[in-house]
PDB file of N, CA and C in Angstrom:
ATOM      1  N   MET A   1     -56.877  -6.371   5.732  1.00  0.00           N
ATOM      2  CA  MET A   1     -57.098  -5.383   6.767  1.00  0.00           C
ATOM      3  C   MET A   1     -57.062  -3.992   6.148  1.00  0.00           C
ATOM      4  N   ASP A   2     -57.910  -3.110   6.661  1.00  0.00           N
ATOM      5  CA  ASP A   2     -57.907  -1.720   6.225  1.00  0.00           C
ATOM      6  C   ASP A   2     -56.612  -1.046   6.661  1.00  0.00           C
ATOM      7  N   GLU A   3     -56.375   0.144   6.142  1.00  0.00           N
ATOM      8  CA  GLU A   3     -55.146   0.869   6.426  1.00  0.00           C
ATOM      9  C   GLU A   3     -55.027   1.203   7.909  1.00  0.00           C
ATOM     10  N   ILE A   4     -53.826   0.975   8.447  1.00  0.00           N
ATOM     11  CA  ILE A   4     -53.494   1.365   9.815  1.00  0.00           C
ATOM     12  C   ILE A   4     -52.930   2.775   9.766  1.00  0.00           C
ATOM     13  N   VAL A   5     -53.518   3.663  10.546  1.00  0.00           N
ATOM     14  CA  VAL A   5     -53.053   5.045  10.626  1.00  0.00           C
ATOM     15  C   VAL A   5     -52.437   5.247  12.002  1.00  0.00           C
ATOM     16  N   ILE A   6     -51.210   5.756  12.034  1.00  0.00           N
ATOM     17  CA  ILE A   6     -50.538   6.076  13.287  1.00  0.00           C
ATOM     18  C   ILE A   6     -50.571   7.586  13.449  1.00  0.00           C
ATOM     19  N   ARG A   7     -51.001   8.034  14.628  1.00  0.00           N
ATOM     20  CA  ARG A   7     -51.052   9.480  14.867  1.00  0.00           C
ATOM     21  C   ARG A   7     -50.653   9.762  16.311  1.00  0.00           C
ATOM     22  N   GLU A   8     -50.154  10.984  16.528  1.00  0.00           N
ATOM     23  CA  GLU A   8     -49.850  11.418  17.887  1.00  0.00           C
ATOM     24  C   GLU A   8     -51.153  11.714  18.621  1.00  0.00           C
ATOM     25  N   ILE A   9     -51.172  11.354  19.883  1.00  0.00           N
ATOM     26  CA  ILE A   9     -52.287  11.698  20.756  1.00  0.00           C
ATOM     27  C   ILE A   9     -51.778  12.795  21.681  1.00  0.00           C
ATOM     28  N   ASN A  10     -52.446  13.945  21.651  1.00  0.00           N
ATOM     29  CA  ASN A  10     -51.946  15.130  22.347  1.00  0.00           C
ATOM     30  C   ASN A  10     -52.965  15.790  23.261  1.00  0.00           C
ATOM     31  N   ASP A  11     -54.124  15.182  23.471  1.00  0.00           N
ATOM     32  CA  ASP A  11     -55.143  15.860  24.269  1.00  0.00           C
ATOM     33  C   ASP A  11     -55.770  14.910  25.283  1.00  0.00           C
ATOM     34  N   MET A  12     -56.424  15.490  26.285  1.00  0.00           N
ATOM     35  CA  MET A  12     -56.988  14.683  27.367  1.00  0.00           C
ATOM     36  C   MET A  12     -58.036  13.701  26.866  1.00  0.00           C
ATOM     37  N   GLU A  13     -58.803  14.072  25.872  1.00  0.00           N
ATOM     38  CA  GLU A  13     -59.789  13.134  25.328  1.00  0.00           C
ATOM     39  C   GLU A  13     -59.095  11.874  24.814  1.00  0.00           C
ATOM     40  N   GLY A  14     -58.017  12.062  24.081  1.00  0.00           N
ATOM     41  CA  GLY A  14     -57.264  10.929  23.569  1.00  0.00           C
ATOM     42  C   GLY A  14     -56.607  10.129  24.678  1.00  0.00           C
ATOM     43  N   PHE A  15     -56.029  10.830  25.671  1.00  0.00           N
ATOM     44  CA  PHE A  15     -55.391  10.133  26.788  1.00  0.00           C
ATOM     45  C   PHE A  15     -56.422   9.327  27.581  1.00  0.00           C
ATOM     46  N   ARG A  16     -57.618   9.874  27.752  1.00  0.00           N
ATOM     47  CA  ARG A  16     -58.672   9.145  28.474  1.00  0.00           C
ATOM     48  C   ARG A  16     -59.108   7.880  27.714  1.00  0.00           C
ATOM     49  N   ALA A  17     -59.123   7.959  26.397  1.00  0.00           N
ATOM     50  CA  ALA A  17     -59.503   6.789  25.593  1.00  0.00           C
ATOM     51  C   ALA A  17     -58.539   5.627  25.831  1.00  0.00           C
ATOM     52  N   LEU A  18     -57.306   5.937  26.231  1.00  0.00           N
ATOM     53  CA  LEU A  18     -56.323   4.890  26.452  1.00  0.00           C
ATOM     54  C   LEU A  18     -56.568   4.109  27.735  1.00  0.00           C
ATOM     55  N   LEU A  19     -57.371   4.648  28.655  1.00  0.00           N
ATOM     56  CA  LEU A  19     -57.750   3.876  29.842  1.00  0.00           C
ATOM     57  C   LEU A  19     -58.495   2.607  29.438  1.00  0.00           C
ATOM     58  N   GLU A  20     -59.492   2.761  28.593  1.00  0.00           N
ATOM     59  CA  GLU A  20     -60.262   1.603  28.137  1.00  0.00           C
ATOM     60  C   GLU A  20     -59.390   0.666  27.306  1.00  0.00           C
ATOM     61  N   LEU A  21     -58.521   1.229  26.488  1.00  0.00           N
ATOM     62  CA  LEU A  21     -57.648   0.393  25.669  1.00  0.00           C
ATOM     63  C   LEU A  21     -56.736  -0.461  26.548  1.00  0.00           C
ATOM     64  N   GLN A  22     -56.192   0.102  27.624  1.00  0.00           N
ATOM     65  CA  GLN A  22     -55.346  -0.668  28.537  1.00  0.00           C
ATOM     66  C   GLN A  22     -56.140  -1.807  29.184  1.00  0.00           C
ATOM     67  N   ARG A  23     -57.399  -1.567  29.494  1.00  0.00           N
ATOM     68  CA  ARG A  23     -58.246  -2.608  30.073  1.00  0.00           C
ATOM     69  C   ARG A  23     -58.432  -3.751  29.085  1.00  0.00           C
ATOM     70  N   VAL A  24     -58.701  -3.401  27.823  1.00  0.00           N
ATOM     71  CA  VAL A  24     -58.923  -4.408  26.786  1.00  0.00           C
ATOM     72  C   VAL A  24     -57.626  -5.162  26.463  1.00  0.00           C
ATOM     73  N   ILE A  25     -56.517  -4.448  26.376  1.00  0.00           N
ATOM     74  CA  ILE A  25     -55.244  -5.065  25.989  1.00  0.00           C
ATOM     75  C   ILE A  25     -54.693  -5.964  27.089  1.00  0.00           C
ATOM     76  N   TRP A  26     -54.636  -5.445  28.322  1.00  0.00           N
ATOM     77  CA  TRP A  26     -53.944  -6.157  29.401  1.00  0.00           C
ATOM     78  C   TRP A  26     -54.855  -6.596  30.545  1.00  0.00           C
ATOM     79  N   GLY A  27     -56.137  -6.273  30.471  1.00  0.00           N
ATOM     80  CA  GLY A  27     -57.038  -6.633  31.554  1.00  0.00           C
ATOM     81  C   GLY A  27     -56.825  -5.795  32.803  1.00  0.00           C
ATOM     82  N   MET A  28     -56.233  -4.621  32.652  1.00  0.00           N
ATOM     83  CA  MET A  28     -55.953  -3.753  33.793  1.00  0.00           C
ATOM     84  C   MET A  28     -57.221  -3.086  34.296  1.00  0.00           C
ATOM     85  N   SER A  29     -57.314  -2.947  35.603  1.00  0.00           N
ATOM     86  CA  SER A  29     -58.374  -2.105  36.156  1.00  0.00           C
ATOM     87  C   SER A  29     -57.959  -0.654  35.927  1.00  0.00           C
ATOM     88  N   TYR A  30     -58.893   0.242  36.102  1.00  0.00           N
ATOM     89  CA  TYR A  30     -58.549   1.658  35.909  1.00  0.00           C
ATOM     90  C   TYR A  30     -57.496   2.103  36.917  1.00  0.00           C
ATOM     91  N   GLY A  31     -57.514   1.524  38.112  1.00  0.00           N
ATOM     92  CA  GLY A  31     -56.517   1.862  39.120  1.00  0.00           C
ATOM     93  C   GLY A  31     -55.116   1.381  38.777  1.00  0.00           C
ATOM     94  N   GLU A  32     -55.016   0.330  37.984  1.00  0.00           N
ATOM     95  CA  GLU A  32     -53.719  -0.210  37.574  1.00  0.00           C
ATOM     96  C   GLU A  32     -53.181   0.465  36.320  1.00  0.00           C
ATOM     97  N   SER A  33     -54.037   1.104  35.560  1.00  0.00           N
ATOM     98  CA  SER A  33     -53.671   1.685  34.272  1.00  0.00           C
ATOM     99  C   SER A  33     -52.849   2.953  34.438  1.00  0.00           C
ATOM    100  N   THR A  34     -52.115   3.281  33.402  1.00  0.00           N
ATOM    101  CA  THR A  34     -51.419   4.561  33.376  1.00  0.00           C
ATOM    102  C   THR A  34     -52.462   5.651  33.182  1.00  0.00           C
ATOM    103  N   SER A  35     -52.484   6.572  34.117  1.00  0.00           N
ATOM    104  CA  SER A  35     -53.477   7.647  34.151  1.00  0.00           C
ATOM    105  C   SER A  35     -53.355   8.570  32.937  1.00  0.00           C
ATOM    106  N   PRO A  36     -54.478   9.117  32.479  1.00  0.00           N
ATOM    107  CA  PRO A  36     -54.418  10.124  31.416  1.00  0.00           C
ATOM    108  C   PRO A  36     -53.551  11.322  31.806  1.00  0.00           C
ATOM    109  N   TYR A  37     -53.504  11.632  33.093  1.00  0.00           N
ATOM    110  CA  TYR A  37     -52.694  12.769  33.549  1.00  0.00           C
ATOM    111  C   TYR A  37     -51.201  12.451  33.444  1.00  0.00           C
ATOM    112  N   ILE A  38     -50.820  11.210  33.726  1.00  0.00           N
ATOM    113  CA  ILE A  38     -49.416  10.808  33.561  1.00  0.00           C
ATOM    114  C   ILE A  38     -49.045  10.812  32.079  1.00  0.00           C
ATOM    115  N   LEU A  39     -49.954  10.345  31.225  1.00  0.00           N
ATOM    116  CA  LEU A  39     -49.702  10.394  29.782  1.00  0.00           C
ATOM    117  C   LEU A  39     -49.502  11.844  29.330  1.00  0.00           C
ATOM    118  N   ALA A  40     -50.342  12.748  29.839  1.00  0.00           N
ATOM    119  CA  ALA A  40     -50.232  14.164  29.473  1.00  0.00           C
ATOM    120  C   ALA A  40     -48.909  14.755  29.946  1.00  0.00           C
ATOM    121  N   VAL A  41     -48.525  14.475  31.182  1.00  0.00           N
ATOM    122  CA  VAL A  41     -47.267  14.989  31.716  1.00  0.00           C
ATOM    123  C   VAL A  41     -46.090  14.452  30.909  1.00  0.00           C
ATOM    124  N   GLY A  42     -46.107  13.146  30.623  1.00  0.00           N
ATOM    125  CA  GLY A  42     -45.035  12.566  29.811  1.00  0.00           C
ATOM    126  C   GLY A  42     -44.958  13.202  28.441  1.00  0.00           C
ATOM    127  N   ARG A  43     -46.105  13.369  27.815  1.00  0.00           N
ATOM    128  CA  ARG A  43     -46.170  13.968  26.472  1.00  0.00           C
ATOM    129  C   ARG A  43     -45.670  15.406  26.475  1.00  0.00           C
ATOM    130  N   HIS A  44     -46.051  16.160  27.479  1.00  0.00           N
ATOM    131  CA  HIS A  44     -45.704  17.585  27.511  1.00  0.00           C
ATOM    132  C   HIS A  44     -44.304  17.850  28.063  1.00  0.00           C
ATOM    133  N   ASN A  45     -43.589  16.795  28.415  1.00  0.00           N
ATOM    134  CA  ASN A  45     -42.232  16.947  28.929  1.00  0.00           C
ATOM    135  C   ASN A  45     -41.237  16.085  28.157  1.00  0.00           C
ATOM    136  N   GLY A  46     -41.416  16.034  26.848  1.00  0.00           N
ATOM    137  CA  GLY A  46     -40.433  15.385  25.993  1.00  0.00           C
ATOM    138  C   GLY A  46     -40.758  13.974  25.569  1.00  0.00           C
ATOM    139  N   GLY A  47     -41.976  13.502  25.869  1.00  0.00           N
ATOM    140  CA  GLY A  47     -42.370  12.153  25.488  1.00  0.00           C
ATOM    141  C   GLY A  47     -43.353  12.153  24.337  1.00  0.00           C
ATOM    142  N   VAL A  48     -43.856  10.973  24.026  1.00  0.00           N
ATOM    143  CA  VAL A  48     -44.806  10.845  22.932  1.00  0.00           C
ATOM    144  C   VAL A  48     -45.823   9.762  23.266  1.00  0.00           C
ATOM    145  N   VAL A  49     -47.047  10.008  22.838  1.00  0.00           N
ATOM    146  CA  VAL A  49     -48.114   9.013  22.885  1.00  0.00           C
ATOM    147  C   VAL A  49     -48.604   8.866  21.446  1.00  0.00           C
ATOM    148  N   LEU A  50     -48.515   7.663  20.917  1.00  0.00           N
ATOM    149  CA  LEU A  50     -48.952   7.384  19.551  1.00  0.00           C
ATOM    150  C   LEU A  50     -50.122   6.413  19.598  1.00  0.00           C
ATOM    151  N   GLY A  51     -51.101   6.649  18.750  1.00  0.00           N
ATOM    152  CA  GLY A  51     -52.230   5.745  18.628  1.00  0.00           C
ATOM    153  C   GLY A  51     -52.256   5.115  17.250  1.00  0.00           C
ATOM    154  N   ALA A  52     -52.696   3.875  17.191  1.00  0.00           N
ATOM    155  CA  ALA A  52     -52.915   3.181  15.916  1.00  0.00           C
ATOM    156  C   ALA A  52     -54.414   3.084  15.717  1.00  0.00           C
ATOM    157  N   GLU A  53     -54.884   3.476  14.539  1.00  0.00           N
ATOM    158  CA  GLU A  53     -56.315   3.461  14.238  1.00  0.00           C
ATOM    159  C   GLU A  53     -56.568   2.727  12.933  1.00  0.00           C
ATOM    160  N   VAL A  54     -57.717   2.096  12.875  1.00  0.00           N
ATOM    161  CA  VAL A  54     -58.253   1.526  11.638  1.00  0.00           C
ATOM    162  C   VAL A  54     -59.674   2.041  11.523  1.00  0.00           C
ATOM    163  N   ASN A  55     -59.960   2.703  10.418  1.00  0.00           N
ATOM    164  CA  ASN A  55     -61.292   3.302  10.186  1.00  0.00           C
ATOM    165  C   ASN A  55     -61.733   4.172  11.366  1.00  0.00           C
ATOM    166  N   GLY A  56     -60.793   4.925  11.937  1.00  0.00           N
ATOM    167  CA  GLY A  56     -61.106   5.829  13.038  1.00  0.00           C
ATOM    168  C   GLY A  56     -61.220   5.171  14.408  1.00  0.00           C
ATOM    169  N   GLU A  57     -61.075   3.838  14.471  1.00  0.00           N
ATOM    170  CA  GLU A  57     -61.146   3.112  15.746  1.00  0.00           C
ATOM    171  C   GLU A  57     -59.742   2.923  16.298  1.00  0.00           C
ATOM    172  N   LEU A  58     -59.534   3.318  17.564  1.00  0.00           N
ATOM    173  CA  LEU A  58     -58.255   3.143  18.223  1.00  0.00           C
ATOM    174  C   LEU A  58     -58.046   1.660  18.523  1.00  0.00           C
ATOM    175  N   ILE A  59     -56.964   1.092  17.983  1.00  0.00           N
ATOM    176  CA  ILE A  59     -56.716  -0.350  18.150  1.00  0.00           C
ATOM    177  C   ILE A  59     -55.409  -0.647  18.870  1.00  0.00           C
ATOM    178  N   GLY A  60     -54.588   0.366  19.087  1.00  0.00           N
ATOM    179  CA  GLY A  60     -53.318   0.172  19.771  1.00  0.00           C
ATOM    180  C   GLY A  60     -52.676   1.502  20.081  1.00  0.00           C
ATOM    181  N   PHE A  61     -51.643   1.449  20.919  1.00  0.00           N
ATOM    182  CA  PHE A  61     -50.940   2.683  21.273  1.00  0.00           C
ATOM    183  C   PHE A  61     -49.546   2.354  21.787  1.00  0.00           C
ATOM    184  N   CYS A  62     -48.710   3.385  21.850  1.00  0.00           N
ATOM    185  CA  CYS A  62     -47.450   3.286  22.563  1.00  0.00           C
ATOM    186  C   CYS A  62     -47.185   4.605  23.271  1.00  0.00           C
ATOM    187  N   PHE A  63     -46.430   4.513  24.344  1.00  0.00           N
ATOM    188  CA  PHE A  63     -46.126   5.664  25.189  1.00  0.00           C
ATOM    189  C   PHE A  63     -44.663   5.584  25.584  1.00  0.00           C
ATOM    190  N   GLY A  64     -43.941   6.677  25.380  1.00  0.00           N
ATOM    191  CA  GLY A  64     -42.543   6.759  25.787  1.00  0.00           C
ATOM    192  C   GLY A  64     -42.225   8.148  26.305  1.00  0.00           C
ATOM    193  N   PHE A  65     -41.166   8.234  27.087  1.00  0.00           N
ATOM    194  CA  PHE A  65     -40.797   9.505  27.722  1.00  0.00           C
ATOM    195  C   PHE A  65     -39.289   9.568  27.903  1.00  0.00           C
ATOM    196  N   PRO A  66     -38.751  10.767  28.169  1.00  0.00           N
ATOM    197  CA  PRO A  66     -37.315  10.902  28.363  1.00  0.00           C
ATOM    198  C   PRO A  66     -36.881  10.285  29.698  1.00  0.00           C
ATOM    199  N   ALA A  67     -35.699   9.698  29.686  1.00  0.00           N
ATOM    200  CA  ALA A  67     -35.142   9.107  30.901  1.00  0.00           C
ATOM    201  C   ALA A  67     -33.621   9.287  30.881  1.00  0.00           C
ATOM    202  N   PRO A  68     -33.042   9.643  32.038  1.00  0.00           N
ATOM    203  CA  PRO A  68     -31.584   9.795  32.077  1.00  0.00           C
ATOM    204  C   PRO A  68     -30.890   8.441  32.189  1.00  0.00           C
ATOM    205  N   ARG A  69     -29.770   8.331  31.525  1.00  0.00           N
ATOM    206  CA  ARG A  69     -28.906   7.161  31.683  1.00  0.00           C
ATOM    207  C   ARG A  69     -27.478   7.688  31.602  1.00  0.00           C
ATOM    208  N   GLY A  70     -26.815   7.671  32.732  1.00  0.00           N
ATOM    209  CA  GLY A  70     -25.469   8.241  32.782  1.00  0.00           C
ATOM    210  C   GLY A  70     -25.533   9.726  32.476  1.00  0.00           C
ATOM    211  N   ASP A  71     -24.741  10.152  31.510  1.00  0.00           N
ATOM    212  CA  ASP A  71     -24.711  11.572  31.154  1.00  0.00           C
ATOM    213  C   ASP A  71     -25.550  11.901  29.924  1.00  0.00           C
ATOM    214  N   GLN A  72     -26.418  10.999  29.520  1.00  0.00           N
ATOM    215  CA  GLN A  72     -27.267  11.273  28.355  1.00  0.00           C
ATOM    216  C   GLN A  72     -28.737  10.986  28.666  1.00  0.00           C
ATOM    217  N   TRP A  73     -29.591  11.529  27.830  1.00  0.00           N
ATOM    218  CA  TRP A  73     -31.031  11.256  27.917  1.00  0.00           C
ATOM    219  C   TRP A  73     -31.401  10.297  26.805  1.00  0.00           C
ATOM    220  N   LEU A  74     -32.223   9.324  27.142  1.00  0.00           N
ATOM    221  CA  LEU A  74     -32.721   8.402  26.137  1.00  0.00           C
ATOM    222  C   LEU A  74     -34.246   8.459  26.122  1.00  0.00           C
ATOM    223  N   HIS A  75     -34.810   7.886  25.086  1.00  0.00           N
ATOM    224  CA  HIS A  75     -36.268   7.785  25.004  1.00  0.00           C
ATOM    225  C   HIS A  75     -36.646   6.420  25.572  1.00  0.00           C
ATOM    226  N   TRP A  76     -37.406   6.415  26.674  1.00  0.00           N
ATOM    227  CA  TRP A  76     -37.826   5.164  27.306  1.00  0.00           C
ATOM    228  C   TRP A  76     -39.188   4.767  26.752  1.00  0.00           C
ATOM    229  N   SER A  77     -39.232   3.660  26.049  1.00  0.00           N
ATOM    230  CA  SER A  77     -40.476   3.142  25.492  1.00  0.00           C
ATOM    231  C   SER A  77     -41.156   2.321  26.584  1.00  0.00           C
ATOM    232  N   HIS A  78     -42.139   2.916  27.219  1.00  0.00           N
ATOM    233  CA  HIS A  78     -42.750   2.332  28.415  1.00  0.00           C
ATOM    234  C   HIS A  78     -43.868   1.327  28.114  1.00  0.00           C
ATOM    235  N   MET A  79     -44.757   1.659  27.187  1.00  0.00           N
ATOM    236  CA  MET A  79     -45.914   0.802  26.919  1.00  0.00           C
ATOM    237  C   MET A  79     -46.177   0.735  25.419  1.00  0.00           C
ATOM    238  N   THR A  80     -46.466  -0.448  24.938  1.00  0.00           N
ATOM    239  CA  THR A  80     -46.970  -0.640  23.580  1.00  0.00           C
ATOM    240  C   THR A  80     -47.952  -1.802  23.641  1.00  0.00           C
ATOM    241  N   GLY A  81     -49.133  -1.600  23.115  1.00  0.00           N
ATOM    242  CA  GLY A  81     -50.119  -2.672  23.132  1.00  0.00           C
ATOM    243  C   GLY A  81     -51.107  -2.547  21.994  1.00  0.00           C
ATOM    244  N   VAL A  82     -51.686  -3.682  21.637  1.00  0.00           N
ATOM    245  CA  VAL A  82     -52.652  -3.777  20.539  1.00  0.00           C
ATOM    246  C   VAL A  82     -53.815  -4.638  21.028  1.00  0.00           C
ATOM    247  N   ILE A  83     -55.033  -4.240  20.683  1.00  0.00           N
ATOM    248  CA  ILE A  83     -56.191  -5.025  21.110  1.00  0.00           C
ATOM    249  C   ILE A  83     -56.142  -6.414  20.465  1.00  0.00           C
ATOM    250  N   PRO A  84     -56.735  -7.412  21.128  1.00  0.00           N
ATOM    251  CA  PRO A  84     -56.615  -8.804  20.657  1.00  0.00           C
ATOM    252  C   PRO A  84     -56.990  -9.034  19.193  1.00  0.00           C
ATOM    253  N   ASP A  85     -58.040  -8.404  18.691  1.00  0.00           N
ATOM    254  CA  ASP A  85     -58.487  -8.650  17.316  1.00  0.00           C
ATOM    255  C   ASP A  85     -57.460  -8.247  16.257  1.00  0.00           C
ATOM    256  N   TYR A  86     -56.479  -7.419  16.631  1.00  0.00           N
ATOM    257  CA  TYR A  86     -55.502  -6.922  15.649  1.00  0.00           C
ATOM    258  C   TYR A  86     -54.081  -7.400  15.926  1.00  0.00           C
ATOM    259  N   ARG A  87     -53.903  -8.284  16.884  1.00  0.00           N
ATOM    260  CA  ARG A  87     -52.563  -8.796  17.169  1.00  0.00           C
ATOM    261  C   ARG A  87     -52.096  -9.711  16.038  1.00  0.00           C
ATOM    262  N   GLY A  88     -50.772  -9.764  15.869  1.00  0.00           N
ATOM    263  CA  GLY A  88     -50.188 -10.636  14.849  1.00  0.00           C
ATOM    264  C   GLY A  88     -50.345 -10.113  13.434  1.00  0.00           C
ATOM    265  N   GLN A  89     -50.701  -8.826  13.300  1.00  0.00           N
ATOM    266  CA  GLN A  89     -50.912  -8.246  11.975  1.00  0.00           C
ATOM    267  C   GLN A  89     -49.971  -7.075  11.692  1.00  0.00           C
ATOM    268  N   GLY A  90     -48.935  -6.922  12.517  1.00  0.00           N
ATOM    269  CA  GLY A  90     -47.941  -5.883  12.278  1.00  0.00           C
ATOM    270  C   GLY A  90     -48.251  -4.534  12.883  1.00  0.00           C
ATOM    271  N   VAL A  91     -49.318  -4.425  13.647  1.00  0.00           N
ATOM    272  CA  VAL A  91     -49.694  -3.127  14.232  1.00  0.00           C
ATOM    273  C   VAL A  91     -48.657  -2.680  15.254  1.00  0.00           C
ATOM    274  N   GLY A  92     -48.250  -3.579  16.149  1.00  0.00           N
ATOM    275  CA  GLY A  92     -47.243  -3.239  17.151  1.00  0.00           C
ATOM    276  C   GLY A  92     -45.934  -2.821  16.513  1.00  0.00           C
ATOM    277  N   PHE A  93     -45.525  -3.535  15.480  1.00  0.00           N
ATOM    278  CA  PHE A  93     -44.294  -3.188  14.763  1.00  0.00           C
ATOM    279  C   PHE A  93     -44.403  -1.795  14.149  1.00  0.00           C
ATOM    280  N   LYS A  94     -45.543  -1.509  13.557  1.00  0.00           N
ATOM    281  CA  LYS A  94     -45.745  -0.199  12.939  1.00  0.00           C
ATOM    282  C   LYS A  94     -45.702   0.906  14.002  1.00  0.00           C
ATOM    283  N   LEU A  95     -46.288   0.654  15.168  1.00  0.00           N
ATOM    284  CA  LEU A  95     -46.226   1.625  16.270  1.00  0.00           C
ATOM    285  C   LEU A  95     -44.781   1.854  16.708  1.00  0.00           C
ATOM    286  N   LYS A  96     -44.023   0.770  16.889  1.00  0.00           N
ATOM    287  CA  LYS A  96     -42.634   0.895  17.345  1.00  0.00           C
ATOM    288  C   LYS A  96     -41.779   1.623  16.304  1.00  0.00           C
ATOM    289  N   GLN A  97     -42.018   1.365  15.028  1.00  0.00           N
ATOM    290  CA  GLN A  97     -41.264   2.071  13.985  1.00  0.00           C
ATOM    291  C   GLN A  97     -41.605   3.564  13.978  1.00  0.00           C
ATOM    292  N   ALA A  98     -42.872   3.889  14.179  1.00  0.00           N
ATOM    293  CA  ALA A  98     -43.273   5.297  14.246  1.00  0.00           C
ATOM    294  C   ALA A  98     -42.655   5.969  15.470  1.00  0.00           C
ATOM    295  N   GLN A  99     -42.601   5.242  16.585  1.00  0.00           N
ATOM    296  CA  GLN A  99     -41.977   5.779  17.792  1.00  0.00           C
ATOM    297  C   GLN A  99     -40.485   6.020  17.549  1.00  0.00           C
ATOM    298  N   ARG A 100     -39.840   5.101  16.868  1.00  0.00           N
ATOM    299  CA  ARG A 100     -38.413   5.257  16.545  1.00  0.00           C
ATOM    300  C   ARG A 100     -38.181   6.513  15.707  1.00  0.00           C
ATOM    301  N   ILE A 101     -38.983   6.680  14.669  1.00  0.00           N
ATOM    302  CA  ILE A 101     -38.851   7.861  13.808  1.00  0.00           C
ATOM    303  C   ILE A 101     -39.074   9.126  14.623  1.00  0.00           C
ATOM    304  N   TRP A 102     -40.126   9.134  15.456  1.00  0.00           N
ATOM    305  CA  TRP A 102     -40.407  10.301  16.297  1.00  0.00           C
ATOM    306  C   TRP A 102     -39.210  10.608  17.191  1.00  0.00           C
ATOM    307  N   ALA A 103     -38.659   9.590  17.839  1.00  0.00           N
ATOM    308  CA  ALA A 103     -37.532   9.790  18.758  1.00  0.00           C
ATOM    309  C   ALA A 103     -36.322  10.384  18.032  1.00  0.00           C
ATOM    310  N   LEU A 104     -35.995   9.848  16.872  1.00  0.00           N
ATOM    311  CA  LEU A 104     -34.875  10.382  16.099  1.00  0.00           C
ATOM    312  C   LEU A 104     -35.122  11.831  15.698  1.00  0.00           C
ATOM    313  N   GLU A 105     -36.338  12.139  15.264  1.00  0.00           N
ATOM    314  CA  GLU A 105     -36.676  13.507  14.865  1.00  0.00           C
ATOM    315  C   GLU A 105     -36.623  14.486  16.040  1.00  0.00           C
ATOM    316  N   HIS A 106     -36.726  13.971  17.255  1.00  0.00           N
ATOM    317  CA  HIS A 106     -36.706  14.829  18.443  1.00  0.00           C
ATOM    318  C   HIS A 106     -35.374  14.753  19.196  1.00  0.00           C
ATOM    319  N   GLY A 107     -34.339  14.277  18.510  1.00  0.00           N
ATOM    320  CA  GLY A 107     -32.990  14.348  19.041  1.00  0.00           C
ATOM    321  C   GLY A 107     -32.532  13.188  19.899  1.00  0.00           C
ATOM    322  N   TYR A 108     -33.362  12.193  20.055  1.00  0.00           N
ATOM    323  CA  TYR A 108     -32.937  11.014  20.824  1.00  0.00           C
ATOM    324  C   TYR A 108     -32.080  10.113  19.933  1.00  0.00           C
ATOM    325  N   THR A 109     -30.983   9.606  20.476  1.00  0.00           N
ATOM    326  CA  THR A 109     -30.140   8.686  19.732  1.00  0.00           C
ATOM    327  C   THR A 109     -30.144   7.293  20.347  1.00  0.00           C
ATOM    328  N   VAL A 110     -30.763   7.169  21.533  1.00  0.00           N
ATOM    329  CA  VAL A 110     -30.848   5.886  22.217  1.00  0.00           C
ATOM    330  C   VAL A 110     -32.287   5.695  22.695  1.00  0.00           C
ATOM    331  N   MET A 111     -32.783   4.466  22.561  1.00  0.00           N
ATOM    332  CA  MET A 111     -34.097   4.116  23.082  1.00  0.00           C
ATOM    333  C   MET A 111     -33.934   2.890  23.975  1.00  0.00           C
ATOM    334  N   GLY A 112     -34.651   2.897  25.090  1.00  0.00           N
ATOM    335  CA  GLY A 112     -34.619   1.749  25.989  1.00  0.00           C
ATOM    336  C   GLY A 112     -36.017   1.251  26.240  1.00  0.00           C
ATOM    337  N   TRP A 113     -36.125   0.021  26.743  1.00  0.00           N
ATOM    338  CA  TRP A 113     -37.409  -0.559  27.112  1.00  0.00           C
ATOM    339  C   TRP A 113     -37.157  -1.748  28.018  1.00  0.00           C
ATOM    340  N   THR A 114     -38.216  -2.245  28.625  1.00  0.00           N
ATOM    341  CA  THR A 114     -38.090  -3.376  29.538  1.00  0.00           C
ATOM    342  C   THR A 114     -37.894  -4.646  28.752  1.00  0.00           C
TER     343      THR A 114
END
C-alpha cells in the first residue's frame, strides 16, 4: 500500500467531502450523516477532524470534540471510519493514534468514545 497521510481537515470543502465518505463507510444517507456544519462547529470549538489520504484520495477520517465529564473536559472521539477497500490495513489505528497525539498536544488528558 502507498503511504497513508493523516492531516487535519479545517475547511468547508473538506467537511463536505466527508458526507460522501460517511455514505461509503456506513451506508448513511445525507440526512443521517454528520453535517459539514456540525464538523465545522466541533472543529472551531476545541475539536478535531482528521482525514486519512492515499495518493491524495480521502480514504478515512475521525472526528472528536470536547465534552464535560464531572469537573473536567475530555476529548470525545465521536466517529472514525475507513472505506471498505482500505479496512484491515491499519488506517483506523493510524487515525486514532493521530487523534491521541492531537488531543494530548491540545491539553486533553482523557479521551472517551462509545
